Amino acid sequence: MPESDQTTTLPGYGTCQTRIHTATVLKNVSGTLQPVNIKTAAYCECKAQVGSPVYGIVMG
């Protein structure tokens, strides 16, 4: 999922956004190892919606 895509996984409470991690790995191409960058979803960054029941708990 592209980094800019948002998914409402906390309906009425907040939003989550998938964050991407890029890793460099070695790919065997005809016996020669070549570095290749791959991107993968690494974690979700969730934010409580201001005024939601959980906002005070999260923000303390």
PDB file of N, CA and C in Angstrom:
ATOM      1  N   MET A   1       0.846  -1.174   0.000  1.00  0.00           N
ATOM      2  CA  MET A   1       0.000   0.000   0.000  1.00  0.00           C
ATOM      3  C   MET A   1       0.892   1.238   0.000  1.00  0.00           C
ATOM      4  N   PRO A   2       0.647   2.194  -0.860  1.00  0.00           N
ATOM      5  CA  PRO A   2       1.470   3.403  -0.876  1.00  0.00           C
ATOM      6  C   PRO A   2       1.396   4.161   0.442  1.00  0.00           C
ATOM      7  N   GLU A   3       2.472   4.826   0.777  1.00  0.00           N
ATOM      8  CA  GLU A   3       2.572   5.518   2.054  1.00  0.00           C
ATOM      9  C   GLU A   3       1.472   6.555   2.239  1.00  0.00           C
ATOM     10  N   SER A   4       0.997   7.139   1.161  1.00  0.00           N
ATOM     11  CA  SER A   4       0.004   8.203   1.265  1.00  0.00           C
ATOM     12  C   SER A   4      -1.413   7.682   1.498  1.00  0.00           C
ATOM     13  N   ASP A   5      -1.645   6.384   1.319  1.00  0.00           N
ATOM     14  CA  ASP A   5      -2.984   5.826   1.514  1.00  0.00           C
ATOM     15  C   ASP A   5      -3.325   5.766   2.996  1.00  0.00           C
ATOM     16  N   GLN A   6      -4.550   6.167   3.338  1.00  0.00           N
ATOM     17  CA  GLN A   6      -5.011   6.086   4.713  1.00  0.00           C
ATOM     18  C   GLN A   6      -6.175   5.120   4.781  1.00  0.00           C
ATOM     19  N   THR A   7      -6.241   4.423   5.886  1.00  0.00           N
ATOM     20  CA  THR A   7      -7.338   3.498   6.104  1.00  0.00           C
ATOM     21  C   THR A   7      -7.976   3.836   7.445  1.00  0.00           C
ATOM     22  N   THR A   8      -9.281   3.906   7.475  1.00  0.00           N
ATOM     23  CA  THR A   8      -9.960   4.166   8.734  1.00  0.00           C
ATOM     24  C   THR A   8     -10.170   2.840   9.434  1.00  0.00           C
ATOM     25  N   THR A   9      -9.223   2.475  10.274  1.00  0.00           N
ATOM     26  CA  THR A   9      -9.333   1.216  11.004  1.00  0.00           C
ATOM     27  C   THR A   9      -9.871   1.446  12.401  1.00  0.00           C
ATOM     28  N   LEU A  10     -10.012   2.707  12.790  1.00  0.00           N
ATOM     29  CA  LEU A  10     -10.568   3.054  14.090  1.00  0.00           C
ATOM     30  C   LEU A  10     -11.774   3.969  13.878  1.00  0.00           C
ATOM     31  N   PRO A  11     -12.848   3.458  13.262  1.00  0.00           N
ATOM     32  CA  PRO A  11     -13.967   4.322  12.896  1.00  0.00           C
ATOM     33  C   PRO A  11     -14.490   5.129  14.089  1.00  0.00           C
ATOM     34  N   GLY A  12     -14.519   6.442  13.923  1.00  0.00           N
ATOM     35  CA  GLY A  12     -15.010   7.322  14.973  1.00  0.00           C
ATOM     36  C   GLY A  12     -13.985   7.645  16.043  1.00  0.00           C
ATOM     37  N   TYR A  13     -12.847   6.977  16.011  1.00  0.00           N
ATOM     38  CA  TYR A  13     -11.830   7.174  17.048  1.00  0.00           C
ATOM     39  C   TYR A  13     -10.526   7.732  16.496  1.00  0.00           C
ATOM     40  N   GLY A  14     -10.236   7.499  15.241  1.00  0.00           N
ATOM     41  CA  GLY A  14      -8.985   7.984  14.664  1.00  0.00           C
ATOM     42  C   GLY A  14      -8.702   7.338  13.327  1.00  0.00           C
ATOM     43  N   THR A  15      -7.466   7.517  12.855  1.00  0.00           N
ATOM     44  CA  THR A  15      -7.055   6.947  11.571  1.00  0.00           C
ATOM     45  C   THR A  15      -5.701   6.269  11.710  1.00  0.00           C
ATOM     46  N   CYS A  16      -5.444   5.351  10.811  1.00  0.00           N
ATOM     47  CA  CYS A  16      -4.151   4.674  10.759  1.00  0.00           C
ATOM     48  C   CYS A  16      -3.577   4.849   9.360  1.00  0.00           C
ATOM     49  N   GLN A  17      -2.269   4.970   9.304  1.00  0.00           N
ATOM     50  CA  GLN A  17      -1.589   5.135   8.027  1.00  0.00           C
ATOM     51  C   GLN A  17      -0.441   4.128   7.974  1.00  0.00           C
ATOM     52  N   THR A  18      -0.388   3.342   6.910  1.00  0.00           N
ATOM     53  CA  THR A  18       0.679   2.363   6.739  1.00  0.00           C
ATOM     54  C   THR A  18       1.979   3.076   6.417  1.00  0.00           C
ATOM     55  N   ARG A  19       3.046   2.685   7.094  1.00  0.00           N
ATOM     56  CA  ARG A  19       4.368   3.254   6.841  1.00  0.00           C
ATOM     57  C   ARG A  19       5.233   2.203   6.160  1.00  0.00           C
ATOM     58  N   ILE A  20       6.061   2.656   5.248  1.00  0.00           N
ATOM     59  CA  ILE A  20       6.862   1.781   4.393  1.00  0.00           C
ATOM     60  C   ILE A  20       8.321   1.793   4.837  1.00  0.00           C
ATOM     61  N   HIS A  21       8.960   0.637   4.756  1.00  0.00           N
ATOM     62  CA  HIS A  21      10.393   0.509   5.031  1.00  0.00           C
ATOM     63  C   HIS A  21      11.060  -0.001   3.757  1.00  0.00           C
ATOM     64  N   THR A  22      12.173   0.609   3.381  1.00  0.00           N
ATOM     65  CA  THR A  22      12.933   0.165   2.215  1.00  0.00           C
ATOM     66  C   THR A  22      14.154  -0.604   2.696  1.00  0.00           C
ATOM     67  N   ALA A  23      14.350  -1.793   2.160  1.00  0.00           N
ATOM     68  CA  ALA A  23      15.512  -2.619   2.504  1.00  0.00           C
ATOM     69  C   ALA A  23      16.292  -2.931   1.230  1.00  0.00           C
ATOM     70  N   THR A  24      17.598  -2.949   1.355  1.00  0.00           N
ATOM     71  CA  THR A  24      18.451  -3.327   0.229  1.00  0.00           C
ATOM     72  C   THR A  24      18.855  -4.782   0.415  1.00  0.00           C
ATOM     73  N   VAL A  25      18.568  -5.600  -0.585  1.00  0.00           N
ATOM     74  CA  VAL A  25      18.910  -7.024  -0.552  1.00  0.00           C
ATOM     75  C   VAL A  25      19.762  -7.351  -1.773  1.00  0.00           C
ATOM     76  N   LEU A  26      20.399  -8.501  -1.734  1.00  0.00           N
ATOM     77  CA  LEU A  26      21.212  -8.934  -2.874  1.00  0.00           C
ATOM     78  C   LEU A  26      20.434  -9.937  -3.708  1.00  0.00           C
ATOM     79  N   LYS A  27      20.396  -9.709  -5.004  1.00  0.00           N
ATOM     80  CA  LYS A  27      19.695 -10.584  -5.945  1.00  0.00           C
ATOM     81  C   LYS A  27      20.740 -11.272  -6.813  1.00  0.00           C
ATOM     82  N   ASN A  28      20.601 -12.586  -6.963  1.00  0.00           N
ATOM     83  CA  ASN A  28      21.529 -13.364  -7.782  1.00  0.00           C
ATOM     84  C   ASN A  28      21.076 -13.286  -9.239  1.00  0.00           C
ATOM     85  N   VAL A  29      21.846 -12.571 -10.051  1.00  0.00           N
ATOM     86  CA  VAL A  29      21.548 -12.427 -11.476  1.00  0.00           C
ATOM     87  C   VAL A  29      22.671 -13.103 -12.249  1.00  0.00           C
ATOM     88  N   SER A  30      22.390 -14.299 -12.744  1.00  0.00           N
ATOM     89  CA  SER A  30      23.376 -15.083 -13.509  1.00  0.00           C
ATOM     90  C   SER A  30      24.700 -15.235 -12.760  1.00  0.00           C
ATOM     91  N   GLY A  31      24.602 -15.499 -11.460  1.00  0.00           N
ATOM     92  CA  GLY A  31      25.802 -15.727 -10.653  1.00  0.00           C
ATOM     93  C   GLY A  31      26.434 -14.474 -10.080  1.00  0.00           C
ATOM     94  N   THR A  32      25.899 -13.319 -10.429  1.00  0.00           N
ATOM     95  CA  THR A  32      26.417 -12.056  -9.900  1.00  0.00           C
ATOM     96  C   THR A  32      25.404 -11.479  -8.917  1.00  0.00           C
ATOM     97  N   LEU A  33      25.873 -11.136  -7.723  1.00  0.00           N
ATOM     98  CA  LEU A  33      24.985 -10.540  -6.732  1.00  0.00           C
ATOM     99  C   LEU A  33      24.866  -9.043  -6.986  1.00  0.00           C
ATOM    100  N   GLN A  34      23.618  -8.597  -7.132  1.00  0.00           N
ATOM    101  CA  GLN A  34      23.360  -7.182  -7.389  1.00  0.00           C
ATOM    102  C   GLN A  34      22.421  -6.642  -6.314  1.00  0.00           C
ATOM    103  N   PRO A  35      22.736  -5.457  -5.760  1.00  0.00           N
ATOM    104  CA  PRO A  35      21.837  -4.874  -4.756  1.00  0.00           C
ATOM    105  C   PRO A  35      20.530  -4.405  -5.395  1.00  0.00           C
ATOM    106  N   VAL A  36      19.440  -4.697  -4.710  1.00  0.00           N
ATOM    107  CA  VAL A  36      18.107  -4.312  -5.169  1.00  0.00           C
ATOM    108  C   VAL A  36      17.352  -3.752  -3.961  1.00  0.00           C
ATOM    109  N   ASN A  37      16.662  -2.644  -4.150  1.00  0.00           N
ATOM    110  CA  ASN A  37      15.837  -2.076  -3.080  1.00  0.00           C
ATOM    111  C   ASN A  37      14.431  -2.649  -3.168  1.00  0.00           C
ATOM    112  N   ILE A  38      13.900  -3.072  -2.018  1.00  0.00           N
ATOM    113  CA  ILE A  38      12.513  -3.532  -1.949  1.00  0.00           C
ATOM    114  C   ILE A  38      11.800  -2.715  -0.883  1.00  0.00           C
ATOM    115  N   LYS A  39      10.523  -2.478  -1.104  1.00  0.00           N
ATOM    116  CA  LYS A  39       9.708  -1.737  -0.145  1.00  0.00           C
ATOM    117  C   LYS A  39       8.674  -2.685   0.441  1.00  0.00           C
ATOM    118  N   THR A  40       8.428  -2.551   1.733  1.00  0.00           N
ATOM    119  CA  THR A  40       7.436  -3.383   2.388  1.00  0.00           C
ATOM    120  C   THR A  40       6.736  -2.580   3.477  1.00  0.00           C
ATOM    121  N   ALA A  41       5.473  -2.913   3.722  1.00  0.00           N
ATOM    122  CA  ALA A  41       4.755  -2.272   4.820  1.00  0.00           C
ATOM    123  C   ALA A  41       5.419  -2.700   6.121  1.00  0.00           C
ATOM    124  N   ALA A  42       5.787  -1.733   6.947  1.00  0.00           N
ATOM    125  CA  ALA A  42       6.536  -2.035   8.162  1.00  0.00           C
ATOM    126  C   ALA A  42       5.693  -1.887   9.426  1.00  0.00           C
ATOM    127  N   TYR A  43       4.834  -0.883   9.460  1.00  0.00           N
ATOM    128  CA  TYR A  43       4.020  -0.647  10.646  1.00  0.00           C
ATOM    129  C   TYR A  43       2.894   0.323  10.304  1.00  0.00           C
ATOM    130  N   CYS A  44       1.962   0.461  11.221  1.00  0.00           N
ATOM    131  CA  CYS A  44       0.888   1.432  11.066  1.00  0.00           C
ATOM    132  C   CYS A  44       1.084   2.550  12.077  1.00  0.00           C
ATOM    133  N   GLU A  45       0.879   3.762  11.619  1.00  0.00           N
ATOM    134  CA  GLU A  45       0.934   4.918  12.503  1.00  0.00           C
ATOM    135  C   GLU A  45      -0.511   5.339  12.736  1.00  0.00           C
ATOM    136  N   CYS A  46      -0.974   5.177  13.969  1.00  0.00           N
ATOM    137  CA  CYS A  46      -2.365   5.490  14.288  1.00  0.00           C
ATOM    138  C   CYS A  46      -2.440   6.780  15.092  1.00  0.00           C
ATOM    139  N   LYS A  47      -3.441   7.587  14.779  1.00  0.00           N
ATOM    140  CA  LYS A  47      -3.640   8.864  15.467  1.00  0.00           C
ATOM    141  C   LYS A  47      -5.079   8.945  15.947  1.00  0.00           C
ATOM    142  N   ALA A  48      -5.235   9.299  17.230  1.00  0.00           N
ATOM    143  CA  ALA A  48      -6.570   9.459  17.796  1.00  0.00           C
ATOM    144  C   ALA A  48      -7.194  10.743  17.268  1.00  0.00           C
ATOM    145  N   GLN A  49      -8.475  10.672  16.963  1.00  0.00           N
ATOM    146  CA  GLN A  49      -9.205  11.836  16.458  1.00  0.00           C
ATOM    147  C   GLN A  49      -9.514  12.772  17.622  1.00  0.00           C
ATOM    148  N   VAL A  50      -9.233  14.071  17.441  1.00  0.00           N
ATOM    149  CA  VAL A  50      -9.520  15.067  18.473  1.00  0.00           C
ATOM    150  C   VAL A  50     -11.009  15.032  18.797  1.00  0.00           C
ATOM    151  N   GLY A  51     -11.336  14.961  20.082  1.00  0.00           N
ATOM    152  CA  GLY A  51     -12.728  14.928  20.516  1.00  0.00           C
ATOM    153  C   GLY A  51     -13.306  13.528  20.636  1.00  0.00           C
ATOM    154  N   SER A  52     -12.573  12.502  20.190  1.00  0.00           N
ATOM    155  CA  SER A  52     -13.074  11.129  20.302  1.00  0.00           C
ATOM    156  C   SER A  52     -12.917  10.651  21.749  1.00  0.00           C
ATOM    157  N   PRO A  53     -13.657   9.605  22.139  1.00  0.00           N
ATOM    158  CA  PRO A  53     -13.567   9.091  23.506  1.00  0.00           C
ATOM    159  C   PRO A  53     -12.158   8.639  23.915  1.00  0.00           C
ATOM    160  N   VAL A  54     -11.336   8.241  22.974  1.00  0.00           N
ATOM    161  CA  VAL A  54      -9.997   7.753  23.329  1.00  0.00           C
ATOM    162  C   VAL A  54      -8.925   8.839  23.262  1.00  0.00           C
ATOM    163  N   TYR A  55      -9.252  10.021  22.753  1.00  0.00           N
ATOM    164  CA  TYR A  55      -8.245  11.071  22.581  1.00  0.00           C
ATOM    165  C   TYR A  55      -7.583  11.442  23.913  1.00  0.00           C
ATOM    166  N   GLY A  56      -8.374  11.635  24.949  1.00  0.00           N
ATOM    167  CA  GLY A  56      -7.833  11.992  26.265  1.00  0.00           C
ATOM    168  C   GLY A  56      -6.950  10.909  26.848  1.00  0.00           C
ATOM    169  N   ILE A  57      -7.276   9.662  26.587  1.00  0.00           N
ATOM    170  CA  ILE A  57      -6.470   8.542  27.089  1.00  0.00           C
ATOM    171  C   ILE A  57      -5.129   8.499  26.367  1.00  0.00           C
ATOM    172  N   VAL A  58      -5.161   8.641  25.054  1.00  0.00           N
ATOM    173  CA  VAL A  58      -3.945   8.559  24.247  1.00  0.00           C
ATOM    174  C   VAL A  58      -3.040   9.761  24.501  1.00  0.00           C
ATOM    175  N   MET A  59      -3.624  10.940  24.530  1.00  0.00           N
ATOM    176  CA  MET A  59      -2.831  12.161  24.663  1.00  0.00           C
ATOM    177  C   MET A  59      -2.522  12.506  26.120  1.00  0.00           C
ATOM    178  N   GLY A  60      -3.240  11.867  27.044  1.00  0.00           N
ATOM    179  CA  GLY A  60      -2.979  12.042  28.474  1.00  0.00           C
ATOM    180  C   GLY A  60      -3.237  13.407  28.947  1.00  0.00           C
TER     181      GLY A  60
END
